[in-house]
Amino acid sequence: MSERLASGSLKNMMCYLREFGDFAYRNGYTGFDFAPMFAVKVRRENRVYPILADDELERTLSQIDTNTVMGKRDMAMIMLGVTTGMRAIDIVNLRLCDIDWLRGELRLVQRKTGNPVILPLMPKAGEAIKEYILNARPKCSSEYIFLTTKFPIRKFTDDTTFGYMFGKYERMAGIERQPFDGKGFHSLRRRIATKMIVSGVPVTTVSQVLGQMEMDSAKQYLVFDVENLRECAIGLDG
């Protein structure tokens, strides 16, 4: 498999085989524990994707009709991504009780990592959420903030629909997408991390804001800090 799979896929395959081996041994399907055979570490290549440019983001946001119920909801959801870098899965699962309006904070447990995080509720995002809750959110007993606009009224089922929604506004803005161009909704997460790094925020703080388990995950954004990287360059004199 190593001859035809990328490092990321190979790492996943090794994980699946290791879990299967452990399952088979624990349940008596085999008398030999072959799970350790697949414990070899595979170094995963981390590609550095570009971020959504400021003008592209502005054009995308300008396509949202905030005079409609759907537009108010979509603007609130996207602004959370723009201002906090939250993953789509955490936004669709955000509950009314997760917002501390008095302190201006978001308190939640990340679905991907299980890590609890406290994020600042920035004014633009707060205003957009308030507008949606007061003037557009369906009258519903659901604990979740963001709901569908069609019956039966319910929370979003996954983050895939959210990503499609963001892509729709990008297409309306005339932004041409290419496979793996890094300009999907997740690019907002990279965007805020990059801007924090460039403005001088320590990598440790960026990692905490993103709720990442390892600081190395945030180090990839250092490549965009061109001005500070220039100070590390060795001169050609002599």
Protein backbone atom coordinates (compact mmCIF):
# COMPACT_ATOMS: atom_id res chain seq x y z
CA MET A 1 0.00 0.00 0.00
CA SER A 2 2.89 2.36 0.66
CA GLU A 3 3.66 2.37 -3.06
CA ARG A 4 0.28 3.73 -4.08
CA LEU A 5 -1.12 5.62 -1.08
CA ALA A 6 -0.28 9.11 0.10
CA SER A 7 1.19 9.39 3.58
CA GLY A 8 -2.08 10.62 5.05
CA SER A 9 -4.10 7.74 3.59
CA LEU A 10 -1.43 5.25 4.62
CA LYS A 11 -1.53 6.53 8.20
CA ASN A 12 -5.31 6.11 8.26
CA MET A 13 -5.09 2.60 6.83
CA MET A 14 -2.55 1.57 9.46
CA CYS A 15 -4.90 2.89 12.13
CA TYR A 16 -7.84 0.92 10.75
CA LEU A 17 -5.83 -2.30 10.59
CA ARG A 18 -4.49 -1.78 14.10
CA GLU A 19 -8.00 -1.27 15.48
CA PHE A 20 -9.27 -4.31 13.59
CA GLY A 21 -6.41 -6.45 14.92
CA ASP A 22 -7.14 -5.34 18.47
CA PHE A 23 -10.85 -6.06 18.03
CA ALA A 24 -10.22 -9.54 16.58
CA TYR A 25 -7.85 -10.48 19.41
CA ARG A 26 -10.05 -9.16 22.23
CA ASN A 27 -13.10 -11.01 20.92
CA GLY A 28 -11.35 -14.31 20.39
CA TYR A 29 -11.45 -14.37 16.59
CA THR A 30 -7.70 -14.94 16.55
CA GLY A 31 -5.23 -16.21 19.09
CA PHE A 32 -2.51 -13.89 17.79
CA ASP A 33 -2.49 -10.17 18.58
CA PHE A 34 -1.28 -8.70 15.30
CA ALA A 35 -2.27 -5.11 16.16
CA PRO A 36 1.33 -4.14 17.15
CA MET A 37 2.43 -5.00 13.60
CA PHE A 38 0.61 -1.89 12.43
CA ALA A 39 1.97 0.42 15.13
CA VAL A 40 4.71 1.73 12.82
CA LYS A 41 4.60 5.53 12.78
CA VAL A 42 3.89 7.13 9.44
CA ARG A 43 4.96 10.73 9.06
CA ARG A 44 2.08 12.69 7.61
CA GLU A 45 2.87 15.52 5.24
CA ASN A 46 1.16 18.76 6.19
CA ARG A 47 0.41 20.84 3.12
CA VAL A 48 0.26 24.59 3.58
CA TYR A 49 -2.84 25.86 1.83
CA PRO A 50 -3.39 29.50 0.88
CA ILE A 51 -5.96 31.54 2.77
CA LEU A 52 -9.02 33.36 1.49
CA ALA A 53 -7.95 36.90 0.57
CA ASP A 54 -9.62 39.90 2.24
CA ASP A 55 -11.28 41.04 -0.98
CA GLU A 56 -12.57 37.52 -1.67
CA LEU A 57 -14.10 37.36 1.80
CA GLU A 58 -15.73 40.77 1.41
CA ARG A 59 -17.21 39.78 -1.95
CA THR A 60 -18.53 36.54 -0.46
CA LEU A 61 -20.16 38.27 2.51
CA SER A 62 -21.74 40.86 0.23
CA GLN A 63 -23.73 38.11 -1.49
CA ILE A 64 -25.67 37.27 1.67
CA ASP A 65 -29.13 38.83 1.72
CA THR A 66 -29.56 39.67 5.39
CA ASN A 67 -33.13 40.80 4.77
CA THR A 68 -34.19 37.16 4.65
CA VAL A 69 -34.44 34.54 7.40
CA MET A 70 -31.89 32.33 5.68
CA GLY A 71 -29.55 35.26 5.08
CA LYS A 72 -29.59 36.31 8.73
CA ARG A 73 -28.78 32.75 9.80
CA ASP A 74 -26.03 32.26 7.22
CA MET A 75 -24.39 35.58 8.06
CA ALA A 76 -24.32 34.72 11.77
CA MET A 77 -22.78 31.32 11.13
CA ILE A 78 -20.15 32.60 8.73
CA MET A 79 -19.22 35.52 10.99
CA LEU A 80 -18.48 33.04 13.76
CA GLY A 81 -15.99 31.36 11.45
CA VAL A 82 -14.50 34.69 10.39
CA THR A 83 -14.00 36.04 13.91
CA THR A 84 -13.20 32.91 15.93
CA GLY A 85 -11.88 30.29 13.50
CA MET A 86 -14.41 27.76 14.83
CA ARG A 87 -14.81 24.53 12.90
CA ALA A 88 -18.06 24.11 10.98
CA ILE A 89 -19.02 21.10 13.10
CA ASP A 90 -18.77 23.22 16.27
CA ILE A 91 -20.82 26.04 14.78
CA VAL A 92 -23.71 23.81 13.73
CA ASN A 93 -23.71 22.26 17.22
CA LEU A 94 -23.54 25.57 19.10
CA ARG A 95 -26.25 25.80 21.76
CA LEU A 96 -28.02 28.81 23.21
CA CYS A 97 -26.44 28.12 26.60
CA ASP A 98 -22.94 28.20 25.09
CA ILE A 99 -23.07 31.99 24.79
CA ASP A 100 -22.28 34.12 27.83
CA TRP A 101 -23.69 37.45 26.70
CA LEU A 102 -22.64 39.33 29.84
CA ARG A 103 -19.00 38.29 29.53
CA GLY A 104 -19.01 38.30 25.73
CA GLU A 105 -17.71 34.74 25.53
CA LEU A 106 -18.40 31.45 23.80
CA ARG A 107 -17.92 28.36 25.98
CA LEU A 108 -18.01 25.00 24.25
CA VAL A 109 -16.39 21.58 23.98
CA GLN A 110 -14.91 20.94 20.56
CA ARG A 111 -16.41 17.95 18.77
CA LYS A 112 -13.17 16.92 17.05
CA THR A 113 -10.77 17.08 20.00
CA GLY A 114 -13.06 17.00 23.04
CA ASN A 115 -11.18 20.05 24.36
CA PRO A 116 -13.16 22.76 26.19
CA VAL A 117 -12.46 26.24 24.83
CA ILE A 118 -13.47 29.78 25.74
CA LEU A 119 -13.54 32.18 22.80
CA PRO A 120 -14.32 35.89 22.67
CA LEU A 121 -17.65 36.77 21.07
CA MET A 122 -16.55 39.56 18.75
CA PRO A 123 -19.01 42.46 18.18
CA LYS A 124 -19.75 41.70 14.50
CA ALA A 125 -20.47 38.06 15.21
CA GLY A 126 -22.47 38.92 18.33
CA GLU A 127 -24.64 41.40 16.46
CA ALA A 128 -25.26 38.91 13.65
CA ILE A 129 -26.24 36.16 16.11
CA LYS A 130 -28.50 38.54 18.04
CA GLU A 131 -30.21 39.63 14.84
CA TYR A 132 -30.84 36.02 13.87
CA ILE A 133 -32.13 34.89 17.28
CA LEU A 134 -34.45 37.87 17.78
CA ASN A 135 -35.74 38.38 14.25
CA ALA A 136 -35.26 35.21 12.20
CA ARG A 137 -34.83 32.06 14.29
CA PRO A 138 -37.95 29.85 14.17
CA LYS A 139 -39.98 29.62 17.35
CA CYS A 140 -38.68 26.29 18.51
CA SER A 141 -37.76 24.55 21.77
CA SER A 142 -34.46 23.27 20.33
CA GLU A 143 -31.39 24.05 22.42
CA TYR A 144 -29.32 24.59 19.29
CA ILE A 145 -28.94 28.08 17.89
CA PHE A 146 -28.88 27.48 14.15
CA LEU A 147 -31.90 25.73 12.66
CA THR A 148 -33.13 24.80 9.22
CA THR A 149 -35.58 27.11 7.46
CA LYS A 150 -37.81 24.33 6.12
CA PHE A 151 -40.07 21.95 8.04
CA PRO A 152 -39.46 19.90 9.99
CA ILE A 153 -37.47 22.56 11.84
CA ARG A 154 -34.29 21.01 13.24
CA LYS A 155 -30.60 21.65 13.76
CA PHE A 156 -28.12 21.16 10.95
CA THR A 157 -27.25 17.48 10.68
CA ASP A 158 -23.59 17.93 9.76
CA ASP A 159 -20.94 20.41 8.64
CA THR A 160 -21.05 19.27 5.00
CA THR A 161 -24.23 21.23 4.35
CA PHE A 162 -22.59 24.26 5.95
CA GLY A 163 -19.58 23.98 3.65
CA TYR A 164 -21.87 23.76 0.62
CA MET A 165 -23.70 26.88 1.79
CA PHE A 166 -20.44 28.84 2.04
CA GLY A 167 -19.40 27.58 -1.40
CA LYS A 168 -22.69 28.83 -2.84
CA TYR A 169 -21.94 32.39 -1.77
CA GLU A 170 -18.41 32.09 -3.16
CA ARG A 171 -19.79 31.08 -6.55
CA MET A 172 -22.22 34.00 -6.44
CA ALA A 173 -19.23 36.27 -5.78
CA GLY A 174 -17.48 34.96 -8.88
CA ILE A 175 -14.74 33.15 -6.98
CA GLU A 176 -13.54 30.25 -9.09
CA ARG A 177 -12.72 27.19 -7.05
CA GLN A 178 -10.24 24.45 -7.88
CA PRO A 179 -9.83 21.08 -6.14
CA PHE A 180 -7.72 21.45 -3.00
CA ASP A 181 -7.35 25.21 -3.48
CA GLY A 182 -7.87 25.77 0.24
CA LYS A 183 -10.63 28.35 -0.21
CA GLY A 184 -13.51 26.51 1.44
CA PHE A 185 -15.05 27.38 4.78
CA HIS A 186 -12.10 25.85 6.63
CA SER A 187 -9.93 28.56 5.07
CA LEU A 188 -11.49 31.00 7.56
CA ARG A 189 -9.83 29.00 10.33
CA ARG A 190 -6.46 29.28 8.60
CA ARG A 191 -7.15 32.94 7.87
CA ILE A 192 -7.61 34.01 11.48
CA ALA A 193 -4.63 31.91 12.60
CA THR A 194 -2.43 33.52 9.95
CA LYS A 195 -3.53 37.05 10.87
CA MET A 196 -2.82 36.36 14.54
CA ILE A 197 0.65 35.04 13.75
CA VAL A 198 1.48 37.99 11.49
CA SER A 199 0.29 40.47 14.14
CA GLY A 200 2.72 38.96 16.64
CA VAL A 201 0.46 36.66 18.66
CA PRO A 202 2.53 33.73 20.06
CA VAL A 203 2.02 30.34 18.45
CA THR A 204 1.02 28.93 21.84
CA THR A 205 -1.86 31.40 22.07
CA VAL A 206 -2.96 30.69 18.49
CA SER A 207 -2.98 26.98 19.28
CA GLN A 208 -5.15 27.58 22.36
CA VAL A 209 -7.63 29.74 20.44
CA LEU A 210 -7.97 27.07 17.76
CA GLY A 211 -8.35 24.42 20.44
CA GLN A 212 -5.62 22.26 18.94
CA MET A 213 -4.19 19.41 20.96
CA GLU A 214 -0.62 19.96 19.76
CA MET A 215 1.17 23.26 19.22
CA ASP A 216 2.82 21.88 16.06
CA SER A 217 -0.56 22.10 14.32
CA ALA A 218 -0.39 25.90 14.51
CA LYS A 219 3.26 26.16 13.42
CA GLN A 220 2.33 25.73 9.76
CA TYR A 221 0.93 29.27 9.75
CA LEU A 222 4.40 30.70 10.48
CA VAL A 223 5.25 30.45 6.76
CA PHE A 224 2.90 33.37 6.07
CA ASP A 225 4.75 35.70 8.46
CA VAL A 226 7.04 36.99 5.74
CA GLU A 227 8.35 40.05 7.57
CA ASN A 228 9.56 38.12 10.60
CA LEU A 229 10.92 35.29 8.46
CA ARG A 230 13.14 37.82 6.67
CA GLU A 231 14.94 38.41 9.98
CA CYS A 232 15.91 34.73 10.01
CA ALA A 233 17.50 34.82 6.56
CA ILE A 234 21.29 34.49 6.36
CA GLY A 235 22.92 37.30 4.43
CA LEU A 236 24.91 36.65 1.25
CA ASP A 237 27.82 38.94 2.22
CA GLY A 238 31.10 37.05 2.06
